[in-house]
């Protein structure tokens, strides 16, 4: 029997390429979403990951 429940995609650090990071940072900086919304929408697990990207690339 197959498990039919949907689970969020678990990502690893390797899944976040530079283009992905810059796209997330851009959307947050433009005010399209908060960093917490970005974490949910893009399936980013770390609580401070987007904040670190904003400091580094923003």
Protein backbone atom coordinates (compact mmCIF):
# COMPACT_ATOMS: atom_id res chain seq x y z
CA UNK A 1 0.00 0.00 0.00
CA UNK A 2 1.37 3.41 -0.95
CA UNK A 3 1.60 6.35 1.40
CA UNK A 4 -0.62 8.99 -0.19
CA UNK A 5 0.08 11.82 2.24
CA UNK A 6 1.97 14.77 0.85
CA UNK A 7 5.07 15.84 2.66
CA UNK A 8 7.02 19.06 2.21
CA UNK A 9 10.21 18.68 0.22
CA UNK A 10 13.21 18.41 2.51
CA UNK A 11 16.15 20.21 1.03
CA UNK A 12 19.82 20.08 1.84
CA UNK A 13 22.32 22.89 1.67
CA UNK A 14 23.51 21.65 -1.71
CA UNK A 15 20.08 22.32 -3.20
CA UNK A 16 20.45 26.08 -2.84
CA UNK A 17 22.40 27.35 -5.83
CA UNK A 18 23.36 30.99 -6.19
CA UNK A 19 20.53 31.82 -8.62
CA UNK A 20 17.97 30.38 -6.17
CA UNK A 21 19.42 32.38 -3.27
CA UNK A 22 19.45 35.61 -5.27
CA UNK A 23 15.87 35.06 -6.45
CA UNK A 24 14.67 34.59 -2.86
CA UNK A 25 16.62 37.63 -1.65
CA UNK A 26 15.23 39.72 -4.49
CA UNK A 27 11.61 38.83 -3.71
CA UNK A 28 12.09 39.60 -0.01
CA UNK A 29 13.86 42.90 -0.71
CA UNK A 30 11.15 43.99 -3.16
CA UNK A 31 8.56 43.43 -0.46
CA UNK A 32 6.75 40.64 -2.29
CA UNK A 33 7.05 38.43 0.79
CA UNK A 34 8.61 38.32 4.23
CA UNK A 35 11.56 36.09 4.94
CA UNK A 36 9.29 33.73 6.88
CA UNK A 37 6.90 33.50 3.93
CA UNK A 38 9.87 32.77 1.67
CA UNK A 39 10.92 29.91 3.95
CA UNK A 40 7.47 28.38 3.70
CA UNK A 41 6.96 28.93 -0.03
CA UNK A 42 10.39 27.65 -1.05
CA UNK A 43 10.67 24.87 1.56
CA UNK A 44 13.71 26.32 3.30
CA UNK A 45 14.16 24.52 6.61
CA UNK A 46 16.64 26.68 8.50
CA UNK A 47 15.07 29.47 10.52
CA UNK A 48 17.85 31.94 9.82
CA UNK A 49 18.90 30.79 6.34
CA UNK A 50 17.06 33.55 4.46
CA UNK A 51 18.28 36.16 6.94
CA UNK A 52 21.87 35.07 6.35
CA UNK A 53 21.32 35.31 2.58
CA UNK A 54 19.88 38.81 3.00
CA UNK A 55 22.97 39.92 4.91
CA UNK A 56 25.36 38.31 2.43
CA UNK A 57 23.70 39.05 -0.91
CA UNK A 58 21.20 41.81 -0.16
